[in-house]
């Protein structure tokens, strides 16, 4: 699970959850992790106050996160539309070519490998 921590020595622009350098560069490439990466709650102020919903979702997927976690019951109230909204945003990013379909396929394969291992 990623954290929304910011370390300018690792990435001068983005917190770990949104950092391609941190998730793909360090975690995956340098450390060799090919398992599922899940974000901390994408609705937390550290993310929403600086990046907004759509930009944060884009950055997290591009960074290498496989599952974006969203609390639908937060300090702002209950919002059951968040999962569908996140789906629409990511689908739109794929359809527009911002995120390649192959990137989504990578996450799908990691998630399915995890499910298969847990079902044994």
Protein backbone atom coordinates (compact mmCIF):
# COMPACT_ATOMS: atom_id res chain seq x y z
CA UNK A 1 0.00 0.00 0.00
CA UNK A 2 1.30 3.39 -0.93
CA UNK A 3 1.31 6.36 1.38
CA UNK A 4 0.63 9.98 0.53
CA UNK A 5 4.00 10.98 1.93
CA UNK A 6 6.14 13.50 0.10
CA UNK A 7 9.91 13.12 -0.03
CA UNK A 8 11.62 15.60 -2.34
CA UNK A 9 14.70 13.39 -2.36
CA UNK A 10 12.67 10.66 -4.08
CA UNK A 11 10.35 12.78 -6.22
CA UNK A 12 10.45 16.56 -6.19
CA UNK A 13 6.95 16.86 -7.67
CA UNK A 14 4.63 14.17 -6.32
CA UNK A 15 3.83 12.23 -3.14
CA UNK A 16 4.57 8.48 -3.27
CA UNK A 17 1.02 7.48 -4.25
CA UNK A 18 1.21 9.59 -7.41
CA UNK A 19 4.90 9.18 -8.17
CA UNK A 20 5.94 7.11 -11.16
CA UNK A 21 9.52 7.42 -9.99
CA UNK A 22 8.64 5.95 -6.59
CA UNK A 23 6.17 3.21 -7.56
CA UNK A 24 7.52 2.11 -10.93
CA UNK A 25 11.10 3.30 -10.62
CA UNK A 26 11.98 2.28 -7.10
CA UNK A 27 9.40 -0.29 -6.02
CA UNK A 28 9.02 -2.16 -9.29
CA UNK A 29 12.27 -1.60 -11.23
CA UNK A 30 14.88 -1.28 -8.48
CA UNK A 31 13.34 -3.56 -5.86
CA UNK A 32 11.73 -5.99 -8.32
CA UNK A 33 8.20 -5.93 -6.86
CA UNK A 34 5.72 -7.29 -9.38
CA UNK A 35 2.82 -7.71 -6.99
CA UNK A 36 -0.28 -5.60 -6.55
CA UNK A 37 0.14 -2.00 -5.45
CA UNK A 38 -2.88 -0.42 -3.76
CA UNK A 39 -3.14 3.23 -2.87
CA UNK A 40 -4.09 4.69 0.44
CA UNK A 41 -7.48 6.45 0.38
CA UNK A 42 -7.45 8.70 -2.68
CA UNK A 43 -10.05 10.92 -1.03
CA UNK A 44 -7.70 12.10 1.68
CA UNK A 45 -6.91 15.81 1.81
CA UNK A 46 -3.23 15.28 0.99
CA UNK A 47 -4.37 14.20 -2.46
CA UNK A 48 -7.69 15.91 -3.17
CA UNK A 49 -6.63 19.35 -1.94
CA UNK A 50 -3.63 19.43 -4.26
CA UNK A 51 -4.55 17.32 -7.29
CA UNK A 52 -8.31 16.88 -7.49
CA UNK A 53 -10.17 13.67 -8.25
CA UNK A 54 -9.44 13.23 -11.95
CA UNK A 55 -5.78 14.27 -11.94
CA UNK A 56 -5.05 12.13 -8.88
CA UNK A 57 -6.60 9.06 -10.50
CA UNK A 58 -4.58 9.62 -13.67
CA UNK A 59 -1.31 10.16 -11.81
CA UNK A 60 -1.81 7.10 -9.58
CA UNK A 61 -2.50 4.76 -12.51
CA UNK A 62 0.36 6.18 -14.57
CA UNK A 63 2.62 5.86 -11.52
CA UNK A 64 1.93 2.13 -11.36
CA UNK A 65 -0.82 1.70 -8.77
CA UNK A 66 -3.05 -1.28 -9.54
CA UNK A 67 -5.96 -0.60 -7.19
CA UNK A 68 -7.11 2.88 -6.21
CA UNK A 69 -8.74 2.90 -2.78
CA UNK A 70 -11.57 5.36 -2.12
CA UNK A 71 -13.54 5.72 1.09
CA UNK A 72 -17.14 6.49 0.22
CA UNK A 73 -17.89 7.54 3.78
CA UNK A 74 -15.63 10.41 4.78
CA UNK A 75 -15.61 13.71 6.60
CA UNK A 76 -17.32 15.18 3.53
CA UNK A 77 -20.19 12.72 3.92
CA UNK A 78 -21.39 9.53 2.27
CA UNK A 79 -20.91 9.40 -1.49
CA UNK A 80 -21.77 6.05 -3.07
CA UNK A 81 -21.07 7.45 -6.57
CA UNK A 82 -17.28 7.50 -6.08
CA UNK A 83 -16.53 3.99 -7.48
CA UNK A 84 -18.52 4.68 -10.65
CA UNK A 85 -16.92 8.11 -10.98
CA UNK A 86 -13.42 6.62 -10.66
CA UNK A 87 -14.29 3.99 -13.27
CA UNK A 88 -15.56 6.65 -15.70
CA UNK A 89 -12.44 8.78 -15.22
CA UNK A 90 -10.04 5.88 -15.82
CA UNK A 91 -12.09 4.54 -18.73
CA UNK A 92 -12.04 8.01 -20.30
CA UNK A 93 -8.28 8.25 -19.87
CA UNK A 94 -7.85 4.92 -21.64
CA UNK A 95 -10.30 5.83 -24.43
CA UNK A 96 -8.52 9.15 -25.01
CA UNK A 97 -5.12 7.46 -25.13
CA UNK A 98 -3.74 9.20 -22.03
CA UNK A 99 -3.36 5.82 -20.34
CA UNK A 100 -2.56 2.88 -22.64
CA UNK A 101 -4.83 -0.13 -22.37
CA UNK A 102 -1.68 -2.19 -21.77
CA UNK A 103 -1.22 -0.33 -18.48
CA UNK A 104 -4.66 -1.49 -17.31
CA UNK A 105 -3.85 -5.01 -18.52
CA UNK A 106 -0.72 -5.03 -16.31
CA UNK A 107 -2.82 -4.25 -13.26
CA UNK A 108 -5.45 -6.80 -14.24
CA UNK A 109 -2.83 -9.54 -14.51
CA UNK A 110 -1.30 -8.66 -11.14
CA UNK A 111 -4.69 -8.64 -9.45
CA UNK A 112 -5.69 -11.96 -11.01
CA UNK A 113 -2.39 -13.57 -9.94
CA UNK A 114 -3.04 -12.39 -6.40
CA UNK A 115 -6.60 -13.73 -6.43
CA UNK A 116 -5.43 -17.05 -7.80
CA UNK A 117 -2.79 -17.37 -5.08
CA UNK A 118 -5.30 -16.49 -2.36
CA UNK A 119 -7.81 -19.06 -3.60
CA UNK A 120 -5.41 -21.96 -3.21
